[in-house]
Amino acid sequence: MNRYRPIVCLFAVFALSCEGQNKIEVPRARQAARLEPAQTHSKAEGIEGLTATLPDGASLRYTISLPRGYDKQKPVPLVMALHYGGNVTPFYGRGVIEGLVGPAFADLGAIIVAPDAQGDSPWTSEKNEQAVIWLTQNVMKTHSINPKKIVLTGFSMGGEGTWYIGSRHQDLFTAAIPVAGRPAGGKDWKIPVYAIHSRKDEVVPIGPAEEHVKALKAKGASVEWKVLTDLTHFETARYQDALRQAPGWLQQSWK
């Protein structure tokens, strides 16, 4: 049996070598390529749930919707949509695409992406902020996106995330559309903002958002303030009518 020991040892060394290779950190350029399955959309429109691997190894679920007639040779706008609060079940972001953002932005011809928040953390958490930025940048690499037309939007918790992340990454996003969101983040805005809120909102009162908008306008920010009078917070789908006005506003802002 002793004559087999060199072979066994050689096999053990090889196995340990392979295990070590598996622990080597993957370069960011290769990590970006992990979104490549989404490119199957280039030939067929539709909505699909996908999972990406973040640089820290965590999984990020997201839903992606392609516009009718999407051609990967023609750059289109990108809308990053942040979902509302709740129990984040797999592909939770699909609800905000199908129930609000998708119908409202149907005529914009944009790719719409809705990530799932990480765990129970709000969009204002560091890990969710980093996930949104990473996903935005990687979708821009794997799809044909016009870098001058990158929109961040969201409802409720997603609206707060839009205020927060949008204000901190104005070099990436070119417009922000918070809906029924508590104001967060900075007050120095150089990109246009289209804010929507209802006076009947019983969950996120309009007062703080209204004061925030006034402060932004006083500093010279380009803010469109859309006030609704008859919608409660949980009538999410009914906010479509107000949000449908945003694409026309965007086209004017992007000129």
Protein backbone atom coordinates (compact mmCIF):
# COMPACT_ATOMS: atom_id res chain seq x y z
CA MET A 1 0.00 0.00 0.00
CA ASN A 2 2.98 2.35 0.60
CA ARG A 3 3.58 2.69 -3.15
CA TYR A 4 0.27 4.55 -3.46
CA ARG A 5 1.16 7.22 -0.92
CA PRO A 6 2.94 9.55 -3.42
CA ILE A 7 -0.16 9.46 -5.65
CA VAL A 8 -2.48 10.20 -2.73
CA CYS A 9 -0.27 13.06 -1.58
CA LEU A 10 -0.10 14.48 -5.10
CA PHE A 11 -3.90 14.38 -5.33
CA ALA A 12 -4.22 16.14 -1.97
CA VAL A 13 -1.85 18.91 -3.06
CA PHE A 14 -3.86 19.38 -6.28
CA ALA A 15 -7.15 19.58 -4.33
CA LEU A 16 -5.74 22.16 -1.93
CA SER A 17 -4.43 24.16 -4.87
CA CYS A 18 -7.87 24.20 -6.48
CA GLU A 19 -9.49 25.20 -3.20
CA GLY A 20 -7.09 28.10 -2.91
CA GLN A 21 -7.90 29.24 -6.41
CA ASN A 22 -11.60 29.32 -5.56
CA LYS A 23 -10.89 31.79 -2.78
CA ILE A 24 -9.11 34.27 -5.03
CA GLU A 25 -11.07 37.53 -5.27
CA VAL A 26 -12.68 37.98 -8.66
CA PRO A 27 -11.72 41.27 -10.34
CA ARG A 28 -14.52 43.83 -10.68
CA ALA A 29 -14.39 43.61 -14.45
CA ARG A 30 -15.22 39.91 -14.30
CA GLN A 31 -17.89 40.47 -11.66
CA ALA A 32 -19.67 42.85 -14.00
CA ALA A 33 -19.88 40.07 -16.54
CA ARG A 34 -22.09 38.09 -14.16
CA LEU A 35 -25.00 40.19 -15.38
CA GLU A 36 -24.62 38.80 -18.91
CA PRO A 37 -27.74 36.55 -18.71
CA ALA A 38 -29.78 39.75 -18.85
CA GLN A 39 -28.52 40.27 -22.38
CA THR A 40 -30.94 37.61 -23.58
CA HIS A 41 -33.45 40.45 -23.50
CA SER A 42 -31.79 42.04 -26.53
CA LYS A 43 -33.87 39.83 -28.82
CA ALA A 44 -37.11 39.61 -26.90
CA GLU A 45 -38.98 42.17 -24.82
CA GLY A 46 -40.51 41.27 -21.50
CA ILE A 47 -40.04 41.22 -17.76
CA GLU A 48 -37.63 38.84 -16.07
CA GLY A 49 -36.29 38.23 -12.59
CA LEU A 50 -32.53 37.75 -12.39
CA THR A 51 -29.86 37.38 -9.72
CA ALA A 52 -26.44 39.02 -9.75
CA THR A 53 -23.42 38.59 -7.49
CA LEU A 54 -22.23 41.75 -5.76
CA PRO A 55 -18.51 42.47 -5.27
CA ASP A 56 -18.72 41.29 -1.65
CA GLY A 57 -20.17 37.95 -2.77
CA ALA A 58 -23.75 38.67 -1.71
CA SER A 59 -26.62 37.92 -4.09
CA LEU A 60 -28.75 40.72 -5.50
CA ARG A 61 -32.16 39.92 -6.99
CA TYR A 62 -33.56 42.35 -9.51
CA THR A 63 -36.37 42.56 -12.04
CA ILE A 64 -35.72 43.98 -15.50
CA SER A 65 -38.23 45.16 -18.09
CA LEU A 66 -37.29 45.92 -21.70
CA PRO A 67 -39.22 48.33 -23.88
CA ARG A 68 -41.12 47.18 -26.93
CA GLY A 69 -38.81 46.79 -29.92
CA TYR A 70 -35.63 47.14 -27.88
CA ASP A 71 -32.58 47.20 -30.15
CA LYS A 72 -29.20 46.78 -28.46
CA GLN A 73 -27.67 49.00 -31.14
CA LYS A 74 -29.79 51.99 -30.09
CA PRO A 75 -29.17 53.55 -26.65
CA VAL A 76 -32.30 54.00 -24.54
CA PRO A 77 -33.05 55.63 -21.16
CA LEU A 78 -32.61 53.63 -17.97
CA VAL A 79 -35.05 53.87 -15.07
CA MET A 80 -33.96 52.46 -11.73
CA ALA A 81 -37.09 51.86 -9.65
CA LEU A 82 -36.91 51.37 -5.87
CA HIS A 83 -39.79 49.43 -4.33
CA TYR A 84 -41.88 50.30 -1.28
CA GLY A 85 -41.48 48.70 2.14
CA GLY A 86 -42.77 45.33 3.26
CA ASN A 87 -41.65 41.72 3.44
CA VAL A 88 -39.11 41.54 0.62
CA THR A 89 -39.93 38.22 -1.01
CA PRO A 90 -37.98 37.16 -4.13
CA PHE A 91 -38.28 39.68 -6.94
CA TYR A 92 -40.31 42.04 -4.82
CA GLY A 93 -39.33 44.88 -7.16
CA ARG A 94 -41.50 43.44 -9.89
CA GLY A 95 -44.55 44.87 -8.14
CA VAL A 96 -43.38 48.47 -8.50
CA ILE A 97 -42.66 47.90 -12.21
CA GLU A 98 -45.97 46.25 -13.05
CA GLY A 99 -48.15 48.30 -10.73
CA LEU A 100 -46.70 51.79 -11.10
CA VAL A 101 -43.52 52.63 -12.98
CA GLY A 102 -44.00 50.37 -16.01
CA PRO A 103 -47.43 51.71 -17.05
CA ALA A 104 -46.44 55.31 -16.29
CA PHE A 105 -43.21 55.16 -18.31
CA ALA A 106 -44.51 53.02 -21.17
CA ASP A 107 -44.00 55.78 -23.75
CA LEU A 108 -40.47 56.64 -22.64
CA GLY A 109 -38.98 53.56 -24.31
CA ALA A 110 -36.76 52.91 -21.31
CA ILE A 111 -35.26 49.83 -19.73
CA ILE A 112 -36.66 49.62 -16.20
CA VAL A 113 -34.76 47.82 -13.44
CA ALA A 114 -36.06 47.21 -9.92
CA PRO A 115 -33.62 45.68 -7.41
CA ASP A 116 -34.74 43.93 -4.25
CA ALA A 117 -33.60 45.65 -1.06
CA GLN A 118 -31.00 43.73 0.93
CA GLY A 119 -32.59 42.06 3.95
CA ASP A 120 -34.78 44.28 6.10
CA SER A 121 -32.66 47.38 5.52
CA PRO A 122 -34.09 50.59 4.03
CA TRP A 123 -32.77 52.04 0.79
CA THR A 124 -30.87 54.63 2.83
CA SER A 125 -28.59 51.95 4.28
CA GLU A 126 -25.03 51.77 3.03
CA LYS A 127 -25.35 48.27 1.60
CA ASN A 128 -28.50 49.12 -0.35
CA GLU A 129 -27.00 52.36 -1.63
CA GLN A 130 -23.94 50.48 -2.87
CA ALA A 131 -26.10 47.76 -4.44
CA VAL A 132 -28.19 50.31 -6.37
CA ILE A 133 -25.11 52.09 -7.71
CA TRP A 134 -23.35 48.83 -8.62
CA LEU A 135 -26.42 47.50 -10.44
CA THR A 136 -26.98 50.77 -12.31
CA GLN A 137 -23.39 50.84 -13.55
CA ASN A 138 -23.43 47.19 -14.59
CA VAL A 139 -26.73 47.39 -16.45
CA MET A 140 -25.17 50.28 -18.35
CA LYS A 141 -22.33 47.93 -19.32
CA THR A 142 -24.50 45.01 -20.40
CA HIS A 143 -27.24 46.95 -22.21
CA SER A 144 -27.42 49.82 -24.64
CA ILE A 145 -28.06 52.79 -22.32
CA ASN A 146 -27.94 56.52 -22.97
CA PRO A 147 -25.74 57.80 -20.09
CA LYS A 148 -27.47 61.19 -20.26
CA LYS A 149 -30.84 59.63 -19.49
CA ILE A 150 -30.53 57.74 -16.21
CA VAL A 151 -33.53 58.14 -13.89
CA LEU A 152 -33.88 57.14 -10.25
CA THR A 153 -37.42 56.78 -8.93
CA GLY A 154 -39.28 55.00 -6.16
CA PHE A 155 -42.43 54.90 -4.06
CA SER A 156 -42.71 55.30 -0.26
CA MET A 157 -39.54 53.67 1.13
CA GLY A 158 -38.32 53.78 -2.46
CA GLY A 159 -39.19 57.48 -2.62
CA GLU A 160 -37.06 58.13 0.45
CA GLY A 161 -34.29 56.10 -1.18
CA THR A 162 -34.62 58.22 -4.31
CA TRP A 163 -34.20 61.43 -2.32
CA TYR A 164 -31.20 59.96 -0.50
CA ILE A 165 -29.32 58.05 -3.20
CA GLY A 166 -30.17 60.55 -5.91
CA SER A 167 -28.73 63.47 -3.96
CA ARG A 168 -25.51 61.57 -3.30
CA HIS A 169 -24.90 60.32 -6.85
CA GLN A 170 -25.73 63.16 -9.19
CA ASP A 171 -22.75 62.26 -11.34
CA LEU A 172 -24.53 59.03 -12.29
CA PHE A 173 -28.25 59.85 -12.34
CA THR A 174 -29.55 62.65 -14.53
CA ALA A 175 -33.00 62.98 -12.92
CA ALA A 176 -34.79 61.90 -9.75
CA ILE A 177 -38.51 61.22 -9.25
CA PRO A 178 -39.41 60.48 -5.62
CA VAL A 179 -43.05 59.49 -5.04
CA ALA A 180 -44.66 59.62 -1.58
CA GLY A 181 -41.22 59.52 -0.03
CA ARG A 182 -39.87 61.03 3.17
CA PRO A 183 -37.09 63.53 2.27
CA ALA A 184 -33.55 62.39 2.98
CA GLY A 185 -30.06 63.24 1.81
CA GLY A 186 -28.53 66.55 0.87
CA LYS A 187 -30.08 69.78 -0.36
CA ASP A 188 -27.56 70.63 -3.07
CA TRP A 189 -29.14 69.38 -6.27
CA LYS A 190 -27.76 69.96 -9.75
CA ILE A 191 -29.98 67.42 -11.54
CA PRO A 192 -33.74 67.99 -12.01
CA VAL A 193 -36.22 66.54 -9.52
CA TYR A 194 -39.88 65.71 -10.06
CA ALA A 195 -41.44 65.09 -6.66
CA ILE A 196 -44.95 63.67 -6.18
CA HIS A 197 -46.86 63.61 -2.90
CA SER A 198 -50.45 63.56 -1.68
CA ARG A 199 -51.96 65.75 1.03
CA LYS A 200 -54.01 62.73 2.18
CA ASP A 201 -50.91 60.58 2.77
CA GLU A 202 -51.48 59.19 6.24
CA VAL A 203 -48.20 57.24 6.40
CA VAL A 204 -45.67 59.76 5.06
CA PRO A 205 -47.13 63.23 5.78
CA ILE A 206 -46.62 65.78 3.03
CA GLY A 207 -45.25 68.50 5.35
CA PRO A 208 -41.56 67.50 5.49
CA ALA A 209 -41.44 66.87 1.73
CA GLU A 210 -43.07 70.21 1.03
CA GLU A 211 -40.57 72.04 3.24
CA HIS A 212 -37.71 70.13 1.63
CA VAL A 213 -38.85 71.17 -1.84
CA LYS A 214 -39.09 74.80 -0.74
CA ALA A 215 -35.54 74.64 0.59
CA LEU A 216 -34.28 73.12 -2.66
CA LYS A 217 -35.99 75.79 -4.76
CA ALA A 218 -34.57 78.50 -2.52
CA LYS A 219 -31.10 77.18 -3.38
CA GLY A 220 -31.87 77.32 -7.09
CA ALA A 221 -32.55 73.63 -7.70
CA SER A 222 -34.73 72.57 -10.62
CA VAL A 223 -37.68 70.95 -8.83
CA GLU A 224 -41.13 70.16 -10.18
CA TRP A 225 -43.54 69.75 -7.24
CA LYS A 226 -46.65 67.71 -8.01
CA VAL A 227 -49.20 67.83 -5.18
CA LEU A 228 -52.13 65.41 -5.17
CA THR A 229 -55.16 65.96 -2.99
CA ASP A 230 -57.19 62.76 -2.89
CA LEU A 231 -54.87 59.75 -2.67
CA THR A 232 -54.01 57.84 0.47
CA HIS A 233 -50.60 56.23 0.85
CA PHE A 234 -51.72 52.71 -0.01
CA GLU A 235 -53.43 53.62 -3.30
CA THR A 236 -50.14 52.99 -5.08
CA ALA A 237 -51.52 52.20 -8.54
CA ARG A 238 -53.54 55.43 -8.60
CA TYR A 239 -50.30 57.42 -8.56
CA GLN A 240 -49.82 56.31 -12.17
CA ASP A 241 -51.70 59.32 -13.53
CA ALA A 242 -49.34 61.77 -11.84
CA LEU A 243 -46.29 59.72 -12.78
CA ARG A 244 -47.40 59.58 -16.42
CA GLN A 245 -46.62 63.28 -16.66
CA ALA A 246 -42.99 62.66 -15.73
CA PRO A 247 -41.78 61.33 -19.13
CA GLY A 248 -42.80 64.57 -20.86
CA TRP A 249 -41.06 66.54 -18.13
CA LEU A 250 -37.97 64.35 -18.54
CA GLN A 251 -37.79 64.95 -22.28
CA GLN A 252 -37.84 68.70 -21.64
CA SER A 253 -35.24 68.44 -18.87
CA TRP A 254 -32.90 66.40 -21.07
CA LYS A 255 -32.84 68.91 -23.94
